[in-house]
């Protein structure tokens, strides 16, 4: 397995885990919207003000989609990967 295949499998697994999480919640839509909005807000804040902390994340399709699906934990992982 090459790196791209492993990355695709991990991303697919993360999306499935979050889908099961959202489906098991009592207020599914509210939970999904709250998670998506907080993830996108965290990404936008880091894009705008991350330069002050030398952790500016670019706005691209992958980052926006990841933060919309996975929320704030995705943004935290991006910051950790950026600092390493």
N, C-alpha and C. Protein backbone atom coordinates (compact mmCIF):
# COMPACT_ATOMS: atom_id res chain seq x y z
N UNK A 1 0.84 -1.19 0.00
CA UNK A 1 0.00 0.00 0.00
C UNK A 1 0.88 1.24 0.00
N UNK A 2 0.55 2.15 -0.85
CA UNK A 2 1.30 3.40 -0.88
C UNK A 2 0.66 4.43 0.05
N UNK A 3 1.29 5.55 0.20
CA UNK A 3 0.84 6.58 1.13
C UNK A 3 -0.52 7.16 0.80
N UNK A 4 -0.80 7.33 -0.51
CA UNK A 4 -2.09 7.89 -0.91
C UNK A 4 -3.24 6.95 -0.56
N UNK A 5 -3.03 5.67 -0.71
CA UNK A 5 -4.07 4.69 -0.39
C UNK A 5 -4.33 4.65 1.11
N UNK A 6 -3.29 4.69 1.90
CA UNK A 6 -3.45 4.70 3.35
C UNK A 6 -4.18 5.96 3.80
N UNK A 7 -3.82 7.09 3.21
CA UNK A 7 -4.47 8.36 3.53
C UNK A 7 -5.95 8.30 3.19
N UNK A 8 -6.30 7.77 2.03
CA UNK A 8 -7.70 7.67 1.61
C UNK A 8 -8.48 6.76 2.56
N UNK A 9 -7.89 5.65 2.97
CA UNK A 9 -8.56 4.73 3.88
C UNK A 9 -8.80 5.39 5.24
N UNK A 10 -7.80 6.10 5.75
CA UNK A 10 -7.94 6.77 7.04
C UNK A 10 -9.01 7.86 6.96
N UNK A 11 -9.02 8.64 5.90
CA UNK A 11 -10.04 9.68 5.74
C UNK A 11 -11.44 9.08 5.63
N UNK A 12 -11.56 8.00 4.87
CA UNK A 12 -12.85 7.32 4.75
C UNK A 12 -13.33 6.77 6.08
N UNK A 13 -12.41 6.20 6.86
CA UNK A 13 -12.78 5.68 8.17
C UNK A 13 -13.22 6.80 9.10
N UNK A 14 -12.54 7.94 9.05
CA UNK A 14 -12.92 9.08 9.89
C UNK A 14 -14.30 9.60 9.52
N UNK A 15 -14.60 9.65 8.24
CA UNK A 15 -15.93 10.10 7.80
C UNK A 15 -17.00 9.12 8.26
N UNK A 16 -16.74 7.83 8.16
CA UNK A 16 -17.72 6.84 8.62
C UNK A 16 -17.94 6.92 10.13
N UNK A 17 -16.89 7.11 10.88
CA UNK A 17 -17.02 7.24 12.34
C UNK A 17 -17.87 8.45 12.69
N UNK A 18 -17.62 9.57 12.02
CA UNK A 18 -18.41 10.77 12.30
C UNK A 18 -19.86 10.60 11.84
N UNK A 19 -20.09 9.89 10.74
CA UNK A 19 -21.46 9.64 10.29
C UNK A 19 -22.23 8.81 11.31
N UNK A 20 -21.60 7.76 11.85
CA UNK A 20 -22.25 6.97 12.89
C UNK A 20 -22.48 7.80 14.15
N UNK A 21 -21.54 8.66 14.48
CA UNK A 21 -21.70 9.53 15.65
C UNK A 21 -22.91 10.45 15.47
N UNK A 22 -23.00 11.09 14.31
CA UNK A 22 -24.11 12.01 14.07
C UNK A 22 -25.44 11.27 14.02
N UNK A 23 -25.47 10.06 13.48
CA UNK A 23 -26.72 9.31 13.39
C UNK A 23 -27.20 8.81 14.75
N UNK A 24 -26.31 8.62 15.69
CA UNK A 24 -26.69 8.12 17.02
C UNK A 24 -27.15 9.24 17.95
N UNK A 25 -26.94 10.47 17.59
CA UNK A 25 -27.32 11.60 18.43
C UNK A 25 -28.83 11.82 18.37
N UNK A 26 -29.38 12.40 19.43
CA UNK A 26 -30.81 12.68 19.47
C UNK A 26 -31.17 13.81 18.52
N UNK A 27 -30.38 14.86 18.53
CA UNK A 27 -30.62 16.01 17.64
C UNK A 27 -29.56 15.96 16.54
N UNK A 28 -29.80 15.18 15.52
CA UNK A 28 -28.80 14.91 14.49
C UNK A 28 -28.39 16.16 13.72
N UNK A 29 -29.37 16.89 13.25
CA UNK A 29 -29.07 18.05 12.40
C UNK A 29 -28.38 19.14 13.21
N UNK A 30 -28.86 19.37 14.42
CA UNK A 30 -28.25 20.40 15.26
C UNK A 30 -26.80 20.04 15.60
N UNK A 31 -26.56 18.76 15.90
CA UNK A 31 -25.20 18.32 16.21
C UNK A 31 -24.30 18.46 15.00
N UNK A 32 -24.80 18.08 13.82
CA UNK A 32 -24.02 18.20 12.59
C UNK A 32 -23.69 19.65 12.28
N UNK A 33 -24.69 20.52 12.39
CA UNK A 33 -24.45 21.94 12.11
C UNK A 33 -23.49 22.57 13.11
N UNK A 34 -23.65 22.22 14.38
CA UNK A 34 -22.76 22.78 15.40
C UNK A 34 -21.31 22.33 15.17
N UNK A 35 -21.13 21.04 14.89
CA UNK A 35 -19.78 20.52 14.64
C UNK A 35 -19.16 21.13 13.40
N UNK A 36 -19.96 21.27 12.36
CA UNK A 36 -19.45 21.84 11.11
C UNK A 36 -19.10 23.32 11.28
N UNK A 37 -19.99 24.06 11.90
CA UNK A 37 -19.75 25.49 12.05
C UNK A 37 -18.57 25.78 12.97
N UNK A 38 -18.42 25.02 14.04
CA UNK A 38 -17.28 25.26 14.92
C UNK A 38 -15.96 24.87 14.24
N UNK A 39 -15.98 23.81 13.44
CA UNK A 39 -14.77 23.41 12.72
C UNK A 39 -14.37 24.44 11.68
N UNK A 40 -15.34 24.93 10.92
CA UNK A 40 -15.05 25.94 9.90
C UNK A 40 -14.63 27.25 10.56
N UNK A 41 -15.28 27.61 11.67
CA UNK A 41 -14.90 28.84 12.38
C UNK A 41 -13.47 28.75 12.90
N UNK A 42 -13.09 27.60 13.45
CA UNK A 42 -11.72 27.42 13.93
C UNK A 42 -10.72 27.53 12.78
N UNK A 43 -11.06 26.95 11.64
CA UNK A 43 -10.18 27.03 10.48
C UNK A 43 -10.05 28.47 9.98
N UNK A 44 -11.15 29.20 9.92
CA UNK A 44 -11.11 30.59 9.47
C UNK A 44 -10.31 31.47 10.43
N UNK A 45 -10.48 31.24 11.72
CA UNK A 45 -9.74 32.02 12.71
C UNK A 45 -8.24 31.75 12.58
N UNK A 46 -7.88 30.48 12.43
CA UNK A 46 -6.46 30.17 12.27
C UNK A 46 -5.90 30.67 10.95
N UNK A 47 -6.72 30.72 9.92
CA UNK A 47 -6.26 31.26 8.64
C UNK A 47 -6.01 32.76 8.76
N UNK A 48 -6.88 33.44 9.48
CA UNK A 48 -6.77 34.89 9.60
C UNK A 48 -5.70 35.31 10.60
N UNK A 49 -5.70 34.69 11.78
CA UNK A 49 -4.82 35.13 12.86
C UNK A 49 -3.71 34.15 13.19
N UNK A 50 -3.58 33.09 12.45
CA UNK A 50 -2.55 32.09 12.74
C UNK A 50 -1.15 32.58 12.47
N UNK A 51 -1.01 33.60 11.65
CA UNK A 51 0.30 34.16 11.39
C UNK A 51 0.97 34.72 12.63
N UNK A 52 0.17 35.16 13.59
CA UNK A 52 0.71 35.67 14.85
C UNK A 52 1.39 34.56 15.65
N UNK A 53 0.93 33.33 15.44
CA UNK A 53 1.47 32.18 16.18
C UNK A 53 2.26 31.24 15.29
N UNK A 54 2.57 31.70 14.08
CA UNK A 54 3.29 30.92 13.05
C UNK A 54 2.61 29.61 12.73
N UNK A 55 1.28 29.60 12.70
CA UNK A 55 0.51 28.41 12.37
C UNK A 55 -0.65 28.79 11.46
N UNK A 56 -0.38 29.40 10.35
CA UNK A 56 -1.42 29.81 9.44
C UNK A 56 -1.80 28.65 8.53
N UNK A 57 -3.07 28.25 8.57
CA UNK A 57 -3.56 27.15 7.75
C UNK A 57 -4.19 27.69 6.47
N UNK A 58 -3.88 27.11 5.32
CA UNK A 58 -4.47 27.60 4.08
C UNK A 58 -5.91 27.14 3.94
N UNK A 59 -6.69 27.95 3.24
CA UNK A 59 -8.06 27.56 2.92
C UNK A 59 -8.05 26.86 1.57
N UNK A 60 -8.22 25.56 1.59
CA UNK A 60 -8.35 24.79 0.37
C UNK A 60 -9.50 23.81 0.54
N UNK A 61 -9.82 23.08 -0.50
CA UNK A 61 -10.98 22.20 -0.48
C UNK A 61 -10.83 21.13 0.61
N UNK A 62 -9.64 20.57 0.74
CA UNK A 62 -9.42 19.51 1.73
C UNK A 62 -9.61 20.02 3.14
N UNK A 63 -9.04 21.17 3.47
CA UNK A 63 -9.14 21.70 4.82
C UNK A 63 -10.57 22.11 5.16
N UNK A 64 -11.26 22.75 4.24
CA UNK A 64 -12.63 23.18 4.50
C UNK A 64 -13.55 21.96 4.63
N UNK A 65 -13.42 20.99 3.74
CA UNK A 65 -14.27 19.79 3.82
C UNK A 65 -13.96 19.00 5.08
N UNK A 66 -12.70 18.86 5.42
CA UNK A 66 -12.33 18.13 6.63
C UNK A 66 -12.84 18.79 7.88
N UNK A 67 -12.73 20.10 7.95
CA UNK A 67 -13.21 20.80 9.15
C UNK A 67 -14.73 20.82 9.20
N UNK A 68 -15.40 20.78 8.04
CA UNK A 68 -16.86 20.72 8.03
C UNK A 68 -17.37 19.35 8.47
N UNK A 69 -16.67 18.30 8.10
CA UNK A 69 -17.12 16.95 8.45
C UNK A 69 -16.66 16.55 9.85
N UNK A 70 -15.40 16.80 10.16
CA UNK A 70 -14.82 16.32 11.41
C UNK A 70 -14.79 17.36 12.52
N UNK A 71 -14.93 18.62 12.19
CA UNK A 71 -15.02 19.65 13.21
C UNK A 71 -13.68 20.12 13.74
N UNK A 72 -13.69 20.59 14.97
CA UNK A 72 -12.51 21.17 15.61
C UNK A 72 -11.37 20.15 15.76
N UNK A 73 -11.64 18.87 16.07
CA UNK A 73 -10.51 17.93 16.17
C UNK A 73 -9.67 17.85 14.89
N UNK A 74 -10.30 17.99 13.74
CA UNK A 74 -9.55 18.00 12.48
C UNK A 74 -8.62 19.20 12.42
N UNK A 75 -9.09 20.35 12.84
CA UNK A 75 -8.26 21.56 12.82
C UNK A 75 -7.10 21.42 13.80
N UNK A 76 -7.36 20.81 14.96
CA UNK A 76 -6.29 20.60 15.93
C UNK A 76 -5.22 19.67 15.35
N UNK A 77 -5.65 18.62 14.67
CA UNK A 77 -4.69 17.70 14.04
C UNK A 77 -3.89 18.42 12.95
N UNK A 78 -4.53 19.29 12.19
CA UNK A 78 -3.82 20.06 11.18
C UNK A 78 -2.76 20.96 11.81
N UNK A 79 -3.10 21.58 12.92
CA UNK A 79 -2.13 22.44 13.62
C UNK A 79 -0.97 21.62 14.12
N UNK A 80 -1.26 20.45 14.69
CA UNK A 80 -0.18 19.58 15.18
C UNK A 80 0.72 19.13 14.03
N UNK A 81 0.12 18.78 12.90
CA UNK A 81 0.92 18.38 11.75
C UNK A 81 1.74 19.53 11.19
N UNK A 82 1.19 20.72 11.27
CA UNK A 82 1.90 21.91 10.77
C UNK A 82 3.11 22.22 11.64
N UNK A 83 2.98 22.01 12.94
CA UNK A 83 4.08 22.35 13.83
C UNK A 83 5.18 21.29 13.83
N UNK A 84 4.87 20.07 13.40
CA UNK A 84 5.89 19.03 13.38
C UNK A 84 6.74 19.19 12.20
